[in-house]
Protein backbone atom coordinates (compact mmCIF):
# COMPACT_ATOMS: atom_id res chain seq x y z
CA MET A 1 80.56 93.21 77.17
CA SER A 2 82.68 95.90 75.64
CA ILE A 3 83.10 97.17 72.47
CA PRO A 4 86.83 97.65 70.36
CA GLY A 5 87.47 101.40 69.70
CA TYR A 6 85.20 102.57 72.32
CA ARG A 7 87.05 104.35 75.66
CA ILE A 8 85.66 106.41 78.56
CA SER A 9 87.47 108.17 80.64
CA ILE A 10 86.91 108.00 84.36
CA HIS A 11 88.14 110.69 86.34
CA ASN A 12 90.05 110.58 89.53
CA SER A 13 87.18 112.64 91.55
CA LEU A 14 84.51 109.78 90.54
CA THR A 15 86.72 107.32 92.18
CA GLN A 16 88.73 109.01 95.66
CA PRO A 17 87.13 110.32 98.31
CA LEU A 18 86.71 114.04 99.02
CA LEU A 19 89.82 115.50 101.73
CA MET A 20 90.30 118.83 102.93
CA THR A 21 94.41 119.57 103.85
CA GLY A 22 94.66 115.96 103.67
CA VAL A 23 92.18 114.26 105.53
CA PRO A 24 88.39 113.86 104.79
CA ARG A 25 86.58 116.65 105.05
CA ARG A 26 84.03 114.84 108.32
CA PHE A 27 86.99 114.97 110.07
CA ALA A 28 88.64 117.70 109.61
CA ILE A 29 85.75 120.00 110.02
CA LEU A 30 85.19 118.25 113.06
CA ASN A 31 88.90 119.00 114.48
CA GLY A 32 89.32 122.14 113.38
CA THR A 33 85.74 122.99 115.52
CA LEU A 34 86.98 121.65 118.64
CA CYS A 35 90.82 123.47 118.20
CA ALA A 36 88.64 126.30 118.00
CA ALA A 37 86.79 125.85 120.50
CA PHE A 38 89.50 124.79 122.69
CA VAL A 39 91.42 127.55 121.67
CA LEU A 40 89.37 130.86 120.91
CA GLY A 41 86.49 129.85 123.59
CA LEU A 42 88.50 128.18 126.25
CA GLN A 43 91.63 129.72 125.97
CA ALA A 44 93.78 126.91 126.55
CA LEU A 45 96.74 127.77 123.88
CA MET A 46 98.23 124.55 125.47
CA THR A 47 95.90 121.86 123.57
CA LEU A 48 96.69 123.32 119.70
CA PRO A 49 99.72 120.84 119.48
CA ILE A 50 97.59 118.31 120.31
CA PHE A 51 94.83 119.04 117.71
CA ILE A 52 98.28 119.31 115.46
CA ILE A 53 99.09 115.95 115.90
CA ILE A 54 95.61 114.28 115.84
CA HIS A 55 95.57 116.26 112.33
CA LEU A 56 99.01 115.00 111.86
CA LEU A 57 98.23 111.10 112.48
CA ALA A 58 94.67 111.75 110.85
CA ALA A 59 96.98 112.76 107.27
CA TYR A 60 99.11 109.57 107.54
CA LEU A 61 96.33 107.11 108.36
CA THR A 62 94.43 108.51 105.49
CA LYS A 63 97.44 108.61 103.17
CA LYS A 64 97.71 104.52 103.74
CA ASP A 65 94.28 103.97 103.30
CA PRO A 66 91.78 106.90 101.72
CA TYR A 67 88.60 105.11 104.01
CA PHE A 68 90.38 104.44 107.16
CA PHE A 69 87.91 106.92 108.82
CA ASP A 70 84.98 105.68 106.65
CA VAL A 71 85.53 101.47 108.06
CA LEU A 72 86.37 102.39 111.88
CA LEU A 73 83.18 104.91 111.65
CA ARG A 74 81.52 101.51 110.65
CA HIS A 75 82.51 99.52 112.88
CA LEU A 76 81.83 101.53 115.23
CA ARG A 77 78.39 101.40 114.30
CA GLN A 78 78.16 97.86 114.56
CA LYS A 79 76.72 95.73 117.50
CA ASP A 80 79.00 93.60 118.89
CA PHE A 81 76.57 90.25 118.54
CA TYR A 82 73.56 89.64 116.93
CA ARG A 83 69.96 87.84 117.77
CA THR A 84 69.66 84.25 116.21
């Protein structure tokens, strides 16, 4: 039911997921932490390009579908079959 002449504006921040550097916040924190652990902790500088490529791939997937990682996590948590 709508009332004529009455409008409510909805901001984009209420309808879009929270992103950090173009990827979901949880993924960015996880990727950054793993990258820091490998590069700083293990001093394996050769892994830095791998994490950059992973981040760019995640940003591409997020641009296509902002809820890609939420759907992927939900899919991974589901059981393969349910007993009847």
